Amino acid sequence: MTATVIGKNVKVGTTGRVAANVSLAAGTPSIQQFWAYLAAVTGAANQPFGANPHTAITM
C-alpha cells in the first residue's frame, strides 16, 4: 500500500523504498504505523495507534 498525504504538518519526502520486483521492501511499516502517522499529522490528542514511525516527514 502506498499513499500521498498533503497537509501543513507534512514535509515533502518519502520514508519507503521498493524492492527489485517493485514491491514494498521487507521491514516496511504496517498499516498500524500508517495510521499512527496520520494521527500525528492531524494533531490527534493522543497516540491511538502507537508511536509515529515517520518522524522524518512530520513537522
N, C-alpha and C. Protein backbone atom coordinates (compact mmCIF):
# COMPACT_ATOMS: atom_id res chain seq x y z
N MET A 1 0.83 -1.17 0.00
CA MET A 1 0.00 0.00 0.00
C MET A 1 0.88 1.23 0.00
N THR A 2 0.50 2.21 -0.77
CA THR A 2 1.17 3.50 -0.77
C THR A 2 0.11 4.58 -0.65
N ALA A 3 0.51 5.73 -0.21
CA ALA A 3 -0.43 6.84 -0.05
C ALA A 3 0.29 8.16 -0.21
N THR A 4 -0.44 9.16 -0.62
CA THR A 4 0.05 10.53 -0.66
C THR A 4 -0.68 11.30 0.43
N VAL A 5 0.08 11.96 1.27
CA VAL A 5 -0.51 12.73 2.36
C VAL A 5 -0.05 14.18 2.17
N ILE A 6 -1.01 15.09 2.15
CA ILE A 6 -0.72 16.51 1.95
C ILE A 6 -1.31 17.28 3.13
N GLY A 7 -0.55 18.20 3.68
CA GLY A 7 -1.08 19.00 4.78
C GLY A 7 -0.01 19.89 5.37
N LYS A 8 -0.41 20.77 6.27
CA LYS A 8 0.52 21.74 6.84
C LYS A 8 1.54 21.09 7.77
N ASN A 9 1.29 19.89 8.26
CA ASN A 9 2.22 19.21 9.16
C ASN A 9 3.02 18.11 8.47
N VAL A 10 3.04 18.14 7.14
CA VAL A 10 3.71 17.09 6.35
C VAL A 10 4.88 17.70 5.59
N LYS A 11 6.07 17.12 5.76
CA LYS A 11 7.23 17.52 4.98
C LYS A 11 7.24 16.75 3.66
N VAL A 12 7.81 17.35 2.64
CA VAL A 12 7.96 16.67 1.36
C VAL A 12 9.00 15.58 1.53
N GLY A 13 8.71 14.39 1.06
CA GLY A 13 9.68 13.31 1.14
C GLY A 13 9.02 11.96 1.15
N THR A 14 9.82 10.97 1.37
CA THR A 14 9.35 9.60 1.43
C THR A 14 10.10 8.86 2.52
N THR A 15 9.50 7.84 3.06
CA THR A 15 10.18 7.00 4.04
C THR A 15 10.36 5.60 3.52
N GLY A 16 9.93 5.35 2.30
CA GLY A 16 9.95 3.99 1.79
C GLY A 16 10.84 3.79 0.59
N ARG A 17 11.17 2.58 0.37
CA ARG A 17 11.91 2.13 -0.81
C ARG A 17 11.17 0.93 -1.35
N VAL A 18 11.41 0.62 -2.59
CA VAL A 18 10.80 -0.58 -3.16
C VAL A 18 11.88 -1.62 -3.40
N ALA A 19 11.46 -2.89 -3.40
CA ALA A 19 12.37 -4.00 -3.67
C ALA A 19 12.59 -4.09 -5.19
N ALA A 20 13.49 -4.96 -5.59
CA ALA A 20 13.81 -5.14 -7.00
C ALA A 20 12.60 -5.51 -7.85
N ASN A 21 11.62 -6.18 -7.25
CA ASN A 21 10.42 -6.57 -8.01
C ASN A 21 9.30 -5.53 -7.84
N VAL A 22 9.64 -4.30 -7.45
CA VAL A 22 8.73 -3.17 -7.29
C VAL A 22 7.61 -3.47 -6.28
N SER A 23 7.97 -4.16 -5.23
CA SER A 23 7.07 -4.37 -4.10
C SER A 23 7.66 -3.61 -2.91
N LEU A 24 6.87 -3.43 -1.88
CA LEU A 24 7.41 -2.77 -0.69
C LEU A 24 8.49 -3.64 -0.06
N ALA A 25 9.56 -3.02 0.32
CA ALA A 25 10.70 -3.74 0.88
C ALA A 25 10.37 -4.37 2.23
N ALA A 26 11.10 -5.41 2.57
CA ALA A 26 10.94 -6.04 3.88
C ALA A 26 11.22 -5.01 4.96
N GLY A 27 10.45 -5.05 6.03
CA GLY A 27 10.62 -4.10 7.11
C GLY A 27 9.80 -2.82 6.96
N THR A 28 9.04 -2.71 5.87
CA THR A 28 8.18 -1.54 5.67
C THR A 28 7.14 -1.52 6.79
N PRO A 29 6.93 -0.35 7.41
CA PRO A 29 5.92 -0.29 8.49
C PRO A 29 4.55 -0.77 8.02
N SER A 30 3.80 -1.31 8.95
CA SER A 30 2.49 -1.89 8.64
C SER A 30 1.39 -0.83 8.65
N ILE A 31 0.18 -1.27 8.43
CA ILE A 31 -0.99 -0.38 8.44
C ILE A 31 -1.10 0.36 9.77
N GLN A 32 -0.82 -0.32 10.87
CA GLN A 32 -0.90 0.31 12.19
C GLN A 32 0.01 1.55 12.25
N GLN A 33 1.22 1.44 11.71
CA GLN A 33 2.13 2.58 11.73
C GLN A 33 1.68 3.68 10.76
N PHE A 34 1.02 3.31 9.67
CA PHE A 34 0.46 4.30 8.75
C PHE A 34 -0.59 5.15 9.49
N TRP A 35 -1.48 4.49 10.23
CA TRP A 35 -2.50 5.21 10.99
C TRP A 35 -1.86 6.05 12.09
N ALA A 36 -0.77 5.57 12.68
CA ALA A 36 -0.06 6.35 13.69
C ALA A 36 0.49 7.64 13.07
N TYR A 37 1.01 7.54 11.85
CA TYR A 37 1.50 8.72 11.14
C TYR A 37 0.36 9.69 10.87
N LEU A 38 -0.76 9.20 10.36
CA LEU A 38 -1.91 10.07 10.09
C LEU A 38 -2.41 10.75 11.36
N ALA A 39 -2.43 10.02 12.46
CA ALA A 39 -2.84 10.62 13.74
C ALA A 39 -1.89 11.75 14.12
N ALA A 40 -0.60 11.55 13.89
CA ALA A 40 0.39 12.57 14.24
C ALA A 40 0.23 13.83 13.39
N VAL A 41 0.07 13.68 12.08
CA VAL A 41 -0.02 14.86 11.22
C VAL A 41 -1.37 15.58 11.33
N THR A 42 -2.38 14.90 11.83
CA THR A 42 -3.67 15.56 12.02
C THR A 42 -3.80 16.17 13.41
N GLY A 43 -2.79 15.95 14.26
CA GLY A 43 -2.80 16.56 15.58
C GLY A 43 -3.67 15.84 16.59
N ALA A 44 -3.79 14.53 16.47
CA ALA A 44 -4.57 13.76 17.44
C ALA A 44 -4.06 14.04 18.86
N ALA A 45 -4.97 14.13 19.80
CA ALA A 45 -4.61 14.48 21.18
C ALA A 45 -3.75 13.43 21.85
N ASN A 46 -3.85 12.20 21.42
CA ASN A 46 -3.02 11.13 21.99
C ASN A 46 -2.49 10.27 20.85
N GLN A 47 -1.95 9.14 21.14
CA GLN A 47 -1.40 8.24 20.12
C GLN A 47 -2.25 6.98 20.06
N PRO A 48 -3.45 7.05 19.48
CA PRO A 48 -4.34 5.89 19.49
C PRO A 48 -3.81 4.69 18.71
N PHE A 49 -2.84 4.92 17.83
CA PHE A 49 -2.29 3.83 17.03
C PHE A 49 -0.82 3.56 17.35
N GLY A 50 -0.32 4.14 18.43
CA GLY A 50 1.07 3.95 18.80
C GLY A 50 1.93 5.12 18.32
N ALA A 51 3.22 4.94 18.46
CA ALA A 51 4.18 6.00 18.10
C ALA A 51 4.28 6.15 16.59
N ASN A 52 4.51 7.38 16.15
CA ASN A 52 4.67 7.69 14.73
C ASN A 52 6.07 7.27 14.27
N PRO A 53 6.17 6.30 13.34
CA PRO A 53 7.48 5.87 12.87
C PRO A 53 8.05 6.75 11.77
N HIS A 54 7.28 7.71 11.29
CA HIS A 54 7.67 8.54 10.14
C HIS A 54 8.00 9.97 10.56
N THR A 55 8.80 10.12 11.58
CA THR A 55 9.10 11.46 12.09
C THR A 55 9.89 12.30 11.10
N ALA A 56 10.58 11.67 10.15
CA ALA A 56 11.38 12.42 9.17
C ALA A 56 10.50 13.26 8.25
N ILE A 57 9.24 12.89 8.07
CA ILE A 57 8.36 13.65 7.18
C ILE A 57 7.17 14.25 7.93
N THR A 58 7.34 14.47 9.23
CA THR A 58 6.31 15.08 10.07
C THR A 58 6.85 16.37 10.65
N MET A 59 6.08 17.44 10.56
CA MET A 59 6.51 18.71 11.16
C MET A 59 6.03 18.78 12.58
